[in-house]
Each structure stands twice: as C-alpha cells, then as structure tokens.
Amino acid sequence: MEIETNQLKITKPKRKEIIYINWMRSFTIMGIVYVHVLGALDRALTVDEDTLEMYNLNVRIFLQFGITSMFYYSGRAAALGMKPERKDPEGVSPYMLPVIWIKKKFLRLIVPLIFGFFIFVIPTTYIGRMYRH
C-alpha cells in the first residue's frame, strides 16, 4: 500500500510486525550459541577451577532465564504470525486457517530437520563414536 504526500512516497508494511520480538529472539539465539561455545571450550580446553566455575555459572544463568525467554518470544512470534492481517483466501473457511498455518509451519520445519539429521547428526555420531571409550 502506497501513500503519496507532497511528492514523497511512503510504503507501509503489508504485515504488522512487532520489532522488539524479533530483536529479543535474535538475542536469545545468540545466547544459545554462547552457551554452546562455552560447552565446547569446557570440553576442549583444560582450565583451572575458577574458570570452570565461571563457565558453569554463565551456563546456569542462561539456562535459567535465556531458554525460557527464547520459548516465550518464539511463541509470541508464532502466535502473531497465525493471525492473518490480509483477506482470507477465497473459498476457505475461517476454521481451516489454523490448519493451513500448521501445515505451512510443519513443512517449513520438517525439511531442515530431515536435512540436519542426515547431514549432521548421523555423521557426527559415527565420527564421535571413535573418541568415546
């Protein structure tokens, strides 16, 4: 939708997005990467007792607040994404809209799941088996 005012063209977004939800999701995802890096460093490096305690404290704090925040903001984004702001598709009952939304989400998530499982999980499990005794 475009509005012209005194030779200035303003384009409004098609969907209403709440920007802070996307930013909070981004910060919580970066926190998850941070915790995984700390876990990898803990396994890869030999550190003294104080450094190990600092790693464990950071991980506990993030697990207490970061994971729950990530689930909250992801749920809010999913709930806002379920409410269509545009017209309903022609000939579709309003009761079918949640079914269509679930189908889209399922297809959007199942492809990366299958790809990640066969490309990353199975090979790393097989390779990692050599290092476990």
Protein backbone atom coordinates (compact mmCIF):
# COMPACT_ATOMS: atom_id res chain seq x y z
CA MET A 1 0.00 0.00 0.00
CA GLU A 2 1.49 3.29 -1.07
CA ILE A 3 0.53 6.76 0.06
CA GLU A 4 1.75 9.87 -1.74
CA THR A 5 2.12 13.08 0.24
CA ASN A 6 3.71 16.14 -1.41
CA GLN A 7 5.86 14.14 -3.82
CA LEU A 8 7.01 11.80 -1.01
CA LYS A 9 6.09 8.18 -1.43
CA ILE A 10 5.58 6.24 1.82
CA THR A 11 5.30 2.47 1.69
CA LYS A 12 3.58 0.79 4.59
CA PRO A 13 4.49 -2.78 5.51
CA LYS A 14 1.99 -5.40 4.45
CA ARG A 15 2.06 -7.15 7.81
CA LYS A 16 2.18 -5.70 11.23
CA GLU A 17 5.37 -6.80 12.91
CA ILE A 18 6.44 -6.09 16.42
CA ILE A 19 10.12 -5.39 16.03
CA TYR A 20 11.17 -5.98 19.63
CA ILE A 21 10.04 -9.62 19.44
CA ASN A 22 12.40 -10.24 16.53
CA TRP A 23 15.23 -8.50 18.36
CA MET A 24 14.65 -10.48 21.56
CA ARG A 25 14.56 -13.73 19.60
CA SER A 26 17.88 -12.73 18.00
CA PHE A 27 19.48 -12.01 21.38
CA THR A 28 18.28 -15.30 22.86
CA ILE A 29 19.60 -17.22 19.84
CA MET A 30 22.98 -15.52 20.27
CA GLY A 31 22.84 -16.57 23.92
CA ILE A 32 22.27 -20.17 22.92
CA VAL A 33 25.30 -20.01 20.63
CA TYR A 34 27.28 -18.52 23.54
CA VAL A 35 26.32 -21.40 25.85
CA HIS A 36 27.26 -23.97 23.22
CA VAL A 37 30.63 -22.27 22.69
CA LEU A 38 31.23 -22.36 26.46
CA GLY A 39 30.37 -26.05 26.49
CA ALA A 40 32.77 -26.74 23.63
CA LEU A 41 35.54 -24.75 25.32
CA ASP A 42 34.93 -26.65 28.54
CA ARG A 43 35.45 -29.96 26.73
CA ALA A 44 38.31 -28.81 24.50
CA LEU A 45 40.48 -26.88 26.97
CA THR A 46 42.00 -27.78 30.26
CA VAL A 47 41.12 -24.92 32.57
CA ASP A 48 41.62 -24.17 36.23
CA GLU A 49 38.91 -24.48 38.87
CA ASP A 50 37.94 -20.77 38.87
CA THR A 51 37.46 -20.61 35.11
CA LEU A 52 35.41 -23.79 35.14
CA GLU A 53 33.20 -22.34 37.87
CA MET A 54 32.74 -19.17 35.80
CA TYR A 55 31.69 -21.25 32.76
CA ASN A 56 29.22 -23.21 34.85
CA LEU A 57 27.77 -20.04 36.40
CA ASN A 58 27.24 -18.45 32.95
CA VAL A 59 25.56 -21.61 31.66
CA ARG A 60 23.27 -21.88 34.71
CA ILE A 61 22.22 -18.24 34.45
CA PHE A 62 21.42 -18.54 30.77
CA LEU A 63 19.57 -21.82 31.23
CA GLN A 64 17.50 -20.21 33.98
CA PHE A 65 16.44 -17.13 32.01
CA GLY A 66 17.59 -17.37 28.39
CA ILE A 67 15.90 -20.58 27.32
CA THR A 68 12.56 -19.60 28.83
CA SER A 69 12.81 -16.18 27.16
CA MET A 70 13.53 -17.81 23.83
CA PHE A 71 10.48 -20.06 24.12
CA TYR A 72 8.32 -17.11 25.15
CA TYR A 73 9.37 -14.81 22.30
CA SER A 74 9.24 -17.59 19.72
CA GLY A 75 5.74 -18.44 20.86
CA ARG A 76 4.68 -14.79 20.67
CA ALA A 77 6.06 -14.52 17.14
CA ALA A 78 4.27 -17.72 16.13
CA ALA A 79 1.01 -16.52 17.64
CA LEU A 80 1.26 -13.17 15.86
CA GLY A 81 2.11 -14.96 12.63
CA MET A 82 -1.03 -17.07 12.91
CA LYS A 83 -3.37 -14.07 12.79
CA PRO A 84 -3.65 -13.18 9.10
CA GLU A 85 -3.88 -9.44 8.53
CA ARG A 86 -4.79 -9.90 4.90
CA LYS A 87 -8.04 -11.12 3.43
CA ASP A 88 -8.83 -14.77 3.90
CA PRO A 89 -8.10 -16.93 0.87
CA GLU A 90 -11.08 -17.35 -1.41
CA GLY A 91 -13.35 -20.24 -0.50
CA VAL A 92 -11.51 -21.14 2.71
CA SER A 93 -13.46 -21.44 5.92
CA PRO A 94 -12.12 -19.37 8.84
CA TYR A 95 -11.96 -22.62 10.81
CA MET A 96 -9.44 -24.00 8.30
CA LEU A 97 -6.97 -21.13 8.72
CA PRO A 98 -5.23 -22.71 11.76
CA VAL A 99 -4.92 -26.00 9.83
CA ILE A 100 -3.33 -24.17 6.88
CA TRP A 101 -0.97 -22.37 9.27
CA ILE A 102 0.06 -25.63 10.97
CA LYS A 103 0.67 -27.26 7.58
CA LYS A 104 2.91 -24.35 6.48
CA LYS A 105 4.87 -24.44 9.75
CA PHE A 106 5.24 -28.22 9.59
CA LEU A 107 6.61 -28.13 6.04
CA ARG A 108 8.88 -25.21 6.89
CA LEU A 109 10.38 -27.04 9.87
CA ILE A 110 10.45 -30.67 8.71
CA VAL A 111 12.78 -30.06 5.73
CA PRO A 112 15.61 -28.56 7.88
CA LEU A 113 15.03 -31.29 10.46
CA ILE A 114 15.50 -34.08 7.93
CA PHE A 115 18.42 -32.29 6.28
CA GLY A 116 20.15 -31.68 9.61
CA PHE A 117 19.56 -35.22 10.80
CA PHE A 118 21.08 -36.92 7.77
CA ILE A 119 23.83 -34.38 7.06
CA PHE A 120 24.98 -33.55 10.60
CA VAL A 121 23.64 -35.85 13.32
CA ILE A 122 24.34 -39.25 11.81
CA PRO A 123 27.90 -38.44 10.59
CA THR A 124 28.93 -36.70 13.82
CA THR A 125 27.54 -39.56 15.88
CA TYR A 126 29.50 -42.05 13.80
CA ILE A 127 32.72 -39.99 13.91
CA GLY A 128 32.32 -39.15 17.61
CA ARG A 129 32.00 -42.85 18.46
CA MET A 130 35.74 -43.23 17.84
CA TYR A 131 36.55 -40.75 20.61
CA ARG A 132 34.27 -42.22 23.29
CA HIS A 133 35.62 -45.00 25.44
